[in-house]
Amino acid sequence: MNDDTERRLTIDDVAKVAGVSRSTVSLVLRNSELVAERTNVIVREAADRIGYVYNRTAALRARLSNLVGIIIPDLTNPFFSELTAGVDQVLNEAGWISLLGNSWESGASQEKILRRMHEHNVDAVIVCPTNASENATTEHLARSGLRVLQVLRRQDDETSYLGIDYADGVSLAVNHLYDLGHKDIVFLGGERIHSAATERFKGYQSSMRERELEPRHVPCILRRSGAVDAVTELSRAGKLPTAFVCFNDVVAVGAMAGLERLGKFW
């Protein structure tokens, strides 16, 4: 192999010979402890076999770790579990490794995880901000040079955001129920303490008022048990509606369970 050929060799060539991902080769060459010993040996043997020489100076100059942080507020929520799995799959297919942090809806935990990920030189962070965020940590970190993407909830307007049109989605649900003949429609779950909740409620409220219906919001914790309790209390007070628009799937499942216990769901 001549000098010109050797200079063109990259970690992609090593990855192909070793049968692993580009990010795995990168981790091995940087002596990361995240890689199993057997994989470590396979990658280094592949590099030796094709004559690849790791340019550590160039790697440091590029300052890429091929690590992306993912921070979610509640891993026990099936929605966030699926979201995390999907993001991780896409990152993995693109040659990146994800680091997962679960903030448990704690602003303090979210800030700690964000700063630790920054200290460990992640290239970017994808975060669904917590309910309890009191300061724009994401904005501060973005200004420090860390790439930050907010998803589903917006903590500040200075940081990149990717979400959905919650207001329109809830409006469609209200319209559907109204077309079925329902006029007493309760919005169940959530407290208006983050953007996703606020936008959902705005969609519900505007749709109800457009049809000259009175909005009725019944807050409850975003747990199955919280929805069961809320439905039970409404029944005791004689205030059960004819239909619910639920904050999320977890609340919907709880509402159905509560109605089933009351013999009002089939």
C-alpha atoms as a PDB file:
ATOM      1  CA  MET A   1       0.000   0.000   0.000  1.00  0.00           C
ATOM      2  CA  ASN A   2       1.581   3.311  -1.048  1.00  0.00           C
ATOM      3  CA  ASP A   3       1.637   6.567   0.911  1.00  0.00           C
ATOM      4  CA  ASP A   4      -1.211   8.138  -1.060  1.00  0.00           C
ATOM      5  CA  THR A   5      -3.505   5.203  -0.339  1.00  0.00           C
ATOM      6  CA  GLU A   6      -2.575   5.198   3.348  1.00  0.00           C
ATOM      7  CA  ARG A   7      -3.320   8.882   3.718  1.00  0.00           C
ATOM      8  CA  ARG A   8      -6.820   8.328   2.355  1.00  0.00           C
ATOM      9  CA  LEU A   9      -7.692   5.674   4.930  1.00  0.00           C
ATOM     10  CA  THR A  10     -10.340   6.757   7.438  1.00  0.00           C
ATOM     11  CA  ILE A  11     -12.118   5.261  10.413  1.00  0.00           C
ATOM     12  CA  ASP A  12     -14.923   4.383   7.996  1.00  0.00           C
ATOM     13  CA  ASP A  13     -12.495   1.932   6.342  1.00  0.00           C
ATOM     14  CA  VAL A  14     -11.652   0.458   9.735  1.00  0.00           C
ATOM     15  CA  ALA A  15     -15.340   0.181  10.612  1.00  0.00           C
ATOM     16  CA  LYS A  16     -16.072  -1.688   7.372  1.00  0.00           C
ATOM     17  CA  VAL A  17     -13.296  -4.219   7.936  1.00  0.00           C
ATOM     18  CA  ALA A  18     -14.129  -4.693  11.617  1.00  0.00           C
ATOM     19  CA  GLY A  19     -17.863  -4.940  10.981  1.00  0.00           C
ATOM     20  CA  VAL A  20     -18.763  -2.254  13.524  1.00  0.00           C
ATOM     21  CA  SER A  21     -20.078   1.304  13.414  1.00  0.00           C
ATOM     22  CA  ARG A  22     -17.966   4.376  12.784  1.00  0.00           C
ATOM     23  CA  SER A  23     -18.700   5.649  16.301  1.00  0.00           C
ATOM     24  CA  THR A  24     -17.464   2.369  17.829  1.00  0.00           C
ATOM     25  CA  VAL A  25     -14.143   2.704  16.000  1.00  0.00           C
ATOM     26  CA  SER A  26     -13.861   6.275  17.223  1.00  0.00           C
ATOM     27  CA  LEU A  27     -14.476   5.183  20.822  1.00  0.00           C
ATOM     28  CA  VAL A  28     -11.877   2.411  20.572  1.00  0.00           C
ATOM     29  CA  LEU A  29      -9.212   4.711  19.135  1.00  0.00           C
ATOM     30  CA  ARG A  30      -9.847   7.191  21.929  1.00  0.00           C
ATOM     31  CA  ASN A  31      -9.414   4.412  24.520  1.00  0.00           C
ATOM     32  CA  SER A  32     -12.980   4.719  25.749  1.00  0.00           C
ATOM     33  CA  GLU A  33     -14.143   2.365  28.496  1.00  0.00           C
ATOM     34  CA  LEU A  34     -17.583   2.157  26.866  1.00  0.00           C
ATOM     35  CA  VAL A  35     -16.390  -0.521  24.419  1.00  0.00           C
ATOM     36  CA  ALA A  36     -16.184  -4.223  25.279  1.00  0.00           C
ATOM     37  CA  GLU A  37     -12.694  -5.747  25.280  1.00  0.00           C
ATOM     38  CA  ARG A  38     -13.495  -8.187  22.457  1.00  0.00           C
ATOM     39  CA  THR A  39     -14.739  -5.346  20.244  1.00  0.00           C
ATOM     40  CA  ASN A  40     -11.659  -3.330  21.179  1.00  0.00           C
ATOM     41  CA  VAL A  41      -9.388  -6.130  19.961  1.00  0.00           C
ATOM     42  CA  ILE A  42     -11.341  -6.615  16.719  1.00  0.00           C
ATOM     43  CA  VAL A  43     -11.177  -2.921  15.847  1.00  0.00           C
ATOM     44  CA  ARG A  44      -7.472  -2.565  16.594  1.00  0.00           C
ATOM     45  CA  GLU A  45      -6.640  -5.692  14.597  1.00  0.00           C
ATOM     46  CA  ALA A  46      -8.657  -4.312  11.667  1.00  0.00           C
ATOM     47  CA  ALA A  47      -6.784  -1.007  11.858  1.00  0.00           C
ATOM     48  CA  ASP A  48      -3.440  -2.810  11.901  1.00  0.00           C
ATOM     49  CA  ARG A  49      -4.456  -5.067   9.018  1.00  0.00           C
ATOM     50  CA  ILE A  50      -5.237  -2.189   6.629  1.00  0.00           C
ATOM     51  CA  GLY A  51      -2.460   0.039   7.933  1.00  0.00           C
ATOM     52  CA  TYR A  52      -4.656   2.767   9.425  1.00  0.00           C
ATOM     53  CA  VAL A  53      -2.871   5.221  11.728  1.00  0.00           C
ATOM     54  CA  TYR A  54      -5.024   7.248  14.115  1.00  0.00           C
ATOM     55  CA  ASN A  55      -4.369  10.985  13.800  1.00  0.00           C
ATOM     56  CA  ARG A  56      -4.980  12.038  17.390  1.00  0.00           C
ATOM     57  CA  THR A  57      -4.042  15.646  16.725  1.00  0.00           C
ATOM     58  CA  ALA A  58      -6.670  15.959  14.007  1.00  0.00           C
ATOM     59  CA  ALA A  59      -9.262  14.311  16.238  1.00  0.00           C
ATOM     60  CA  LEU A  60      -8.561  16.766  19.036  1.00  0.00           C
ATOM     61  CA  ARG A  61      -8.706  19.630  16.591  1.00  0.00           C
ATOM     62  CA  ALA A  62     -12.125  18.494  15.389  1.00  0.00           C
ATOM     63  CA  ARG A  63     -13.343  18.218  19.018  1.00  0.00           C
ATOM     64  CA  LEU A  64     -16.007  15.681  18.121  1.00  0.00           C
ATOM     65  CA  SER A  65     -16.935  12.967  20.589  1.00  0.00           C
ATOM     66  CA  ASN A  66     -19.742  11.374  18.516  1.00  0.00           C
ATOM     67  CA  LEU A  67     -21.830  11.496  21.683  1.00  0.00           C
ATOM     68  CA  VAL A  68     -25.314  13.023  21.873  1.00  0.00           C
ATOM     69  CA  GLY A  69     -27.127  13.490  25.170  1.00  0.00           C
ATOM     70  CA  ILE A  70     -30.852  12.740  25.466  1.00  0.00           C
ATOM     71  CA  ILE A  71     -32.686  14.091  28.516  1.00  0.00           C
ATOM     72  CA  ILE A  72     -36.319  13.188  29.124  1.00  0.00           C
ATOM     73  CA  PRO A  73     -38.589  14.036  32.085  1.00  0.00           C
ATOM     74  CA  ASP A  74     -40.045  10.596  32.837  1.00  0.00           C
ATOM     75  CA  LEU A  75     -38.764   7.309  31.430  1.00  0.00           C
ATOM     76  CA  THR A  76     -41.705   5.421  32.969  1.00  0.00           C
ATOM     77  CA  ASN A  77     -44.072   7.198  30.571  1.00  0.00           C
ATOM     78  CA  PRO A  78     -44.402   4.877  27.532  1.00  0.00           C
ATOM     79  CA  PHE A  79     -44.466   7.860  25.178  1.00  0.00           C
ATOM     80  CA  PHE A  80     -41.058   9.076  26.314  1.00  0.00           C
ATOM     81  CA  SER A  81     -39.687   5.518  26.194  1.00  0.00           C
ATOM     82  CA  GLU A  82     -40.714   5.223  22.534  1.00  0.00           C
ATOM     83  CA  LEU A  83     -39.371   8.692  21.772  1.00  0.00           C
ATOM     84  CA  THR A  84     -36.010   7.798  23.307  1.00  0.00           C
ATOM     85  CA  ALA A  85     -35.828   4.498  21.449  1.00  0.00           C
ATOM     86  CA  GLY A  86     -36.589   6.201  18.140  1.00  0.00           C
ATOM     87  CA  VAL A  87     -34.016   8.966  18.636  1.00  0.00           C
ATOM     88  CA  ASP A  88     -31.397   6.433  19.722  1.00  0.00           C
ATOM     89  CA  GLN A  89     -32.032   4.285  16.645  1.00  0.00           C
ATOM     90  CA  VAL A  90     -31.620   7.223  14.275  1.00  0.00           C
ATOM     91  CA  LEU A  91     -28.450   8.376  16.040  1.00  0.00           C
ATOM     92  CA  ASN A  92     -27.006   4.866  16.016  1.00  0.00           C
ATOM     93  CA  GLU A  93     -27.666   4.439  12.294  1.00  0.00           C
ATOM     94  CA  ALA A  94     -25.870   7.739  11.696  1.00  0.00           C
ATOM     95  CA  GLY A  95     -22.821   6.616  13.685  1.00  0.00           C
ATOM     96  CA  TRP A  96     -23.522   8.433  16.944  1.00  0.00           C
ATOM     97  CA  ILE A  97     -23.745   7.141  20.499  1.00  0.00           C
ATOM     98  CA  SER A  98     -26.484   8.429  22.808  1.00  0.00           C
ATOM     99  CA  LEU A  99     -26.215   9.110  26.528  1.00  0.00           C
ATOM    100  CA  LEU A 100     -29.543   8.998  28.379  1.00  0.00           C
ATOM    101  CA  GLY A 101     -30.510  11.166  31.332  1.00  0.00           C
ATOM    102  CA  ASN A 102     -33.848  10.962  33.193  1.00  0.00           C
ATOM    103  CA  SER A 103     -34.670  14.228  34.994  1.00  0.00           C
ATOM    104  CA  TRP A 104     -37.792  12.899  36.757  1.00  0.00           C
ATOM    105  CA  GLU A 105     -39.462  16.284  36.176  1.00  0.00           C
ATOM    106  CA  SER A 106     -36.886  17.927  38.435  1.00  0.00           C
ATOM    107  CA  GLY A 107     -35.418  21.218  37.291  1.00  0.00           C
ATOM    108  CA  ALA A 108     -32.379  20.688  39.513  1.00  0.00           C
ATOM    109  CA  SER A 109     -31.767  17.218  38.064  1.00  0.00           C
ATOM    110  CA  GLN A 110     -32.148  18.513  34.529  1.00  0.00           C
ATOM    111  CA  GLU A 111     -29.562  21.243  35.130  1.00  0.00           C
ATOM    112  CA  LYS A 112     -27.148  18.769  36.734  1.00  0.00           C
ATOM    113  CA  ILE A 113     -27.471  16.287  33.860  1.00  0.00           C
ATOM    114  CA  LEU A 114     -27.039  19.031  31.239  1.00  0.00           C
ATOM    115  CA  ARG A 115     -23.877  20.321  32.866  1.00  0.00           C
ATOM    116  CA  ARG A 116     -22.419  16.829  33.346  1.00  0.00           C
ATOM    117  CA  MET A 117     -23.052  15.998  29.704  1.00  0.00           C
ATOM    118  CA  HIS A 118     -21.363  19.240  28.719  1.00  0.00           C
ATOM    119  CA  GLU A 119     -18.377  18.371  30.919  1.00  0.00           C
ATOM    120  CA  HIS A 120     -18.121  14.988  29.169  1.00  0.00           C
ATOM    121  CA  ASN A 121     -17.846  16.747  25.814  1.00  0.00           C
ATOM    122  CA  VAL A 122     -21.076  15.583  24.173  1.00  0.00           C
ATOM    123  CA  ASP A 123     -21.471  17.126  20.739  1.00  0.00           C
ATOM    124  CA  ALA A 124     -25.137  17.999  21.301  1.00  0.00           C
ATOM    125  CA  VAL A 125     -28.043  17.545  23.705  1.00  0.00           C
ATOM    126  CA  ILE A 126     -31.665  16.729  22.874  1.00  0.00           C
ATOM    127  CA  VAL A 127     -33.828  17.700  25.863  1.00  0.00           C
ATOM    128  CA  CYS A 128     -37.513  17.711  26.722  1.00  0.00           C
ATOM    129  CA  PRO A 129     -37.496  20.390  29.468  1.00  0.00           C
ATOM    130  CA  THR A 130     -38.998  19.630  32.855  1.00  0.00           C
ATOM    131  CA  ASN A 131     -42.165  21.083  34.313  1.00  0.00           C
ATOM    132  CA  ALA A 132     -40.166  22.627  37.135  1.00  0.00           C
ATOM    133  CA  SER A 133     -37.621  24.549  35.048  1.00  0.00           C
ATOM    134  CA  GLU A 134     -37.177  27.940  36.673  1.00  0.00           C
ATOM    135  CA  ASN A 135     -34.319  29.217  34.567  1.00  0.00           C
ATOM    136  CA  ALA A 136     -33.241  28.892  30.967  1.00  0.00           C
ATOM    137  CA  THR A 137     -30.410  26.424  31.495  1.00  0.00           C
ATOM    138  CA  THR A 138     -30.680  25.301  27.883  1.00  0.00           C
ATOM    139  CA  GLU A 139     -30.240  28.869  26.690  1.00  0.00           C
ATOM    140  CA  HIS A 140     -27.138  29.380  28.841  1.00  0.00           C
ATOM    141  CA  LEU A 141     -25.539  26.169  27.587  1.00  0.00           C
ATOM    142  CA  ALA A 142     -26.391  26.952  23.968  1.00  0.00           C
ATOM    143  CA  ARG A 143     -24.641  30.282  24.352  1.00  0.00           C
ATOM    144  CA  SER A 144     -21.603  28.503  25.757  1.00  0.00           C
ATOM    145  CA  GLY A 145     -21.243  26.623  22.464  1.00  0.00           C
ATOM    146  CA  LEU A 146     -23.091  23.369  23.225  1.00  0.00           C
ATOM    147  CA  ARG A 147     -25.652  22.427  20.571  1.00  0.00           C
ATOM    148  CA  VAL A 148     -29.021  22.094  22.309  1.00  0.00           C
ATOM    149  CA  LEU A 149     -32.349  21.039  20.795  1.00  0.00           C
ATOM    150  CA  GLN A 150     -35.554  21.331  22.825  1.00  0.00           C
ATOM    151  CA  VAL A 151     -38.224  18.787  21.885  1.00  0.00           C
ATOM    152  CA  LEU A 152     -41.962  18.763  22.643  1.00  0.00           C
ATOM    153  CA  ARG A 153     -41.648  21.437  25.343  1.00  0.00           C
ATOM    154  CA  ARG A 154     -40.160  24.898  25.016  1.00  0.00           C
ATOM    155  CA  GLN A 155     -38.241  26.318  27.963  1.00  0.00           C
ATOM    156  CA  ASP A 156     -36.898  29.392  26.175  1.00  0.00           C
ATOM    157  CA  ASP A 157     -37.175  31.039  22.784  1.00  0.00           C
ATOM    158  CA  GLU A 158     -33.442  31.392  22.121  1.00  0.00           C
ATOM    159  CA  THR A 159     -32.737  27.648  21.840  1.00  0.00           C
ATOM    160  CA  SER A 160     -33.668  25.498  18.828  1.00  0.00           C
ATOM    161  CA  TYR A 161     -37.015  23.752  19.235  1.00  0.00           C
ATOM    162  CA  LEU A 162     -38.765  20.833  17.537  1.00  0.00           C
ATOM    163  CA  GLY A 163     -42.356  20.120  18.467  1.00  0.00           C
ATOM    164  CA  ILE A 164     -45.879  19.566  17.231  1.00  0.00           C
ATOM    165  CA  ASP A 165     -49.009  21.691  16.979  1.00  0.00           C
ATOM    166  CA  TYR A 166     -50.651  20.729  20.277  1.00  0.00           C
ATOM    167  CA  ALA A 167     -53.384  23.351  19.976  1.00  0.00           C
ATOM    168  CA  ASP A 168     -54.532  22.083  16.594  1.00  0.00           C
ATOM    169  CA  GLY A 169     -54.455  18.464  17.759  1.00  0.00           C
ATOM    170  CA  VAL A 170     -56.687  19.176  20.765  1.00  0.00           C
ATOM    171  CA  SER A 171     -58.986  21.318  18.613  1.00  0.00           C
ATOM    172  CA  LEU A 172     -59.471  18.374  16.258  1.00  0.00           C
ATOM    173  CA  ALA A 173     -60.392  16.173  19.227  1.00  0.00           C
ATOM    174  CA  VAL A 174     -62.938  18.693  20.530  1.00  0.00           C
ATOM    175  CA  ASN A 175     -64.427  19.139  17.056  1.00  0.00           C
ATOM    176  CA  HIS A 176     -64.782  15.385  16.645  1.00  0.00           C
ATOM    177  CA  LEU A 177     -66.576  15.008  19.968  1.00  0.00           C
ATOM    178  CA  TYR A 178     -68.837  17.953  19.201  1.00  0.00           C
ATOM    179  CA  ASP A 179     -69.764  16.428  15.847  1.00  0.00           C
ATOM    180  CA  LEU A 180     -70.736  13.255  17.722  1.00  0.00           C
ATOM    181  CA  GLY A 181     -73.188  15.317  19.786  1.00  0.00           C
ATOM    182  CA  HIS A 182     -71.162  16.005  22.936  1.00  0.00           C
ATOM    183  CA  LYS A 183     -71.429  19.426  24.544  1.00  0.00           C
ATOM    184  CA  ASP A 184     -70.134  18.760  28.047  1.00  0.00           C
ATOM    185  CA  ILE A 185     -66.477  18.041  27.287  1.00  0.00           C
ATOM    186  CA  VAL A 186     -63.881  18.127  30.070  1.00  0.00           C
ATOM    187  CA  PHE A 187     -60.155  18.634  29.517  1.00  0.00           C
ATOM    188  CA  LEU A 188     -58.607  16.151  31.938  1.00  0.00           C
ATOM    189  CA  GLY A 189     -55.073  16.297  33.302  1.00  0.00           C
ATOM    190  CA  GLY A 190     -52.081  18.561  33.400  1.00  0.00           C
ATOM    191  CA  GLU A 191     -51.355  21.870  35.009  1.00  0.00           C
ATOM    192  CA  ARG A 192     -50.433  24.778  32.785  1.00  0.00           C
ATOM    193  CA  ILE A 193     -46.801  24.919  33.831  1.00  0.00           C
ATOM    194  CA  HIS A 194     -44.986  24.223  30.562  1.00  0.00           C
ATOM    195  CA  SER A 195     -45.498  25.039  26.904  1.00  0.00           C
ATOM    196  CA  ALA A 196     -47.009  21.696  25.877  1.00  0.00           C
ATOM    197  CA  ALA A 197     -49.712  21.950  28.554  1.00  0.00           C
ATOM    198  CA  THR A 198     -50.432  25.606  27.819  1.00  0.00           C
ATOM    199  CA  GLU A 199     -50.772  24.997  24.087  1.00  0.00           C
ATOM    200  CA  ARG A 200     -53.057  21.999  24.623  1.00  0.00           C
ATOM    201  CA  PHE A 201     -55.352  23.998  26.871  1.00  0.00           C
ATOM    202  CA  LYS A 202     -55.474  26.939  24.455  1.00  0.00           C
ATOM    203  CA  GLY A 203     -56.610  24.608  21.681  1.00  0.00           C
ATOM    204  CA  TYR A 204     -59.283  23.123  23.931  1.00  0.00           C
ATOM    205  CA  GLN A 205     -60.470  26.467  25.250  1.00  0.00           C
ATOM    206  CA  SER A 206     -60.697  28.181  21.866  1.00  0.00           C
ATOM    207  CA  SER A 207     -62.571  25.266  20.281  1.00  0.00           C
ATOM    208  CA  MET A 208     -65.076  25.117  23.128  1.00  0.00           C
ATOM    209  CA  ARG A 209     -65.741  28.847  23.009  1.00  0.00           C
ATOM    210  CA  GLU A 210     -66.087  28.841  19.225  1.00  0.00           C
ATOM    211  CA  ARG A 211     -69.058  26.528  19.783  1.00  0.00           C
ATOM    212  CA  GLU A 212     -70.355  28.580  22.703  1.00  0.00           C
ATOM    213  CA  LEU A 213     -69.552  25.760  25.119  1.00  0.00           C
ATOM    214  CA  GLU A 214     -68.157  26.320  28.601  1.00  0.00           C
ATOM    215  CA  PRO A 215     -64.553  25.055  28.996  1.00  0.00           C
ATOM    216  CA  ARG A 216     -63.997  22.848  32.026  1.00  0.00           C
ATOM    217  CA  HIS A 217     -60.462  21.885  33.019  1.00  0.00           C
ATOM    218  CA  VAL A 218     -59.957  19.213  35.681  1.00  0.00           C
ATOM    219  CA  PRO A 219     -56.252  19.051  36.648  1.00  0.00           C
ATOM    220  CA  CYS A 220     -54.695  15.807  37.821  1.00  0.00           C
ATOM    221  CA  ILE A 221     -51.210  14.394  38.113  1.00  0.00           C
ATOM    222  CA  LEU A 222     -50.033  12.779  34.890  1.00  0.00           C
ATOM    223  CA  ARG A 223     -50.344   9.259  36.234  1.00  0.00           C
ATOM    224  CA  ARG A 224     -52.946   6.548  35.690  1.00  0.00           C
ATOM    225  CA  SER A 225     -53.870   6.755  39.388  1.00  0.00           C
ATOM    226  CA  GLY A 226     -54.304  10.524  39.156  1.00  0.00           C
ATOM    227  CA  ALA A 227     -56.834  10.198  36.347  1.00  0.00           C
ATOM    228  CA  VAL A 228     -58.706   7.434  38.197  1.00  0.00           C
ATOM    229  CA  ASP A 229     -58.989   9.665  41.266  1.00  0.00           C
ATOM    230  CA  ALA A 230     -60.136  12.660  39.229  1.00  0.00           C
ATOM    231  CA  VAL A 231     -62.872  10.673  37.463  1.00  0.00           C
ATOM    232  CA  THR A 232     -64.006   9.195  40.781  1.00  0.00           C
ATOM    233  CA  GLU A 233     -64.275  12.646  42.366  1.00  0.00           C
ATOM    234  CA  LEU A 234     -66.252  13.992  39.418  1.00  0.00           C
ATOM    235  CA  SER A 235     -68.679  11.095  39.754  1.00  0.00           C
ATOM    236  CA  ARG A 236     -69.123  11.647  43.497  1.00  0.00           C
ATOM    237  CA  ALA A 237     -69.858  15.310  42.861  1.00  0.00           C
ATOM    238  CA  GLY A 238     -72.326  14.456  40.106  1.00  0.00           C
ATOM    239  CA  LYS A 239     -70.221  16.356  37.558  1.00  0.00           C
ATOM    240  CA  LEU A 240     -69.187  13.648  35.116  1.00  0.00           C
ATOM    241  CA  PRO A 241     -69.123  15.018  31.554  1.00  0.00           C
ATOM    242  CA  THR A 242     -70.312  13.136  28.505  1.00  0.00           C
ATOM    243  CA  ALA A 243     -66.785  13.169  27.077  1.00  0.00           C
ATOM    244  CA  PHE A 244     -63.160  13.731  28.069  1.00  0.00           C
ATOM    245  CA  VAL A 245     -60.242  15.189  26.140  1.00  0.00           C
ATOM    246  CA  CYS A 246     -57.239  13.772  27.978  1.00  0.00           C
ATOM    247  CA  PHE A 247     -53.849  15.419  28.351  1.00  0.00           C
ATOM    248  CA  ASN A 248     -51.968  12.299  27.199  1.00  0.00           C
ATOM    249  CA  ASP A 249     -52.242   8.535  26.782  1.00  0.00           C
ATOM    250  CA  VAL A 250     -51.439   7.801  30.422  1.00  0.00           C
ATOM    251  CA  VAL A 251     -54.275  10.045  31.592  1.00  0.00           C
ATOM    252  CA  ALA A 252     -56.615   8.514  29.001  1.00  0.00           C
ATOM    253  CA  VAL A 253     -55.882   4.995  30.234  1.00  0.00           C
ATOM    254  CA  GLY A 254     -56.517   6.123  33.807  1.00  0.00           C
ATOM    255  CA  ALA A 255     -59.768   7.812  32.833  1.00  0.00           C
ATOM    256  CA  MET A 256     -61.003   4.646  31.135  1.00  0.00           C
ATOM    257  CA  ALA A 257     -60.051   2.605  34.190  1.00  0.00           C
ATOM    258  CA  GLY A 258     -61.922   5.009  36.472  1.00  0.00           C
ATOM    259  CA  LEU A 259     -65.021   4.950  34.298  1.00  0.00           C
ATOM    260  CA  GLU A 260     -64.894   1.159  34.102  1.00  0.00           C
ATOM    261  CA  ARG A 261     -64.850   0.944  37.896  1.00  0.00           C
ATOM    262  CA  LEU A 262     -67.957   3.132  37.939  1.00  0.00           C
ATOM    263  CA  GLY A 263     -69.615   0.929  35.337  1.00  0.00           C
ATOM    264  CA  LYS A 264     -69.715   3.793  32.863  1.00  0.00           C
ATOM    265  CA  PHE A 265     -67.193   2.614  30.271  1.00  0.00           C
ATOM    266  CA  TRP A 266     -67.803  -0.051  27.620  1.00  0.00           C
END
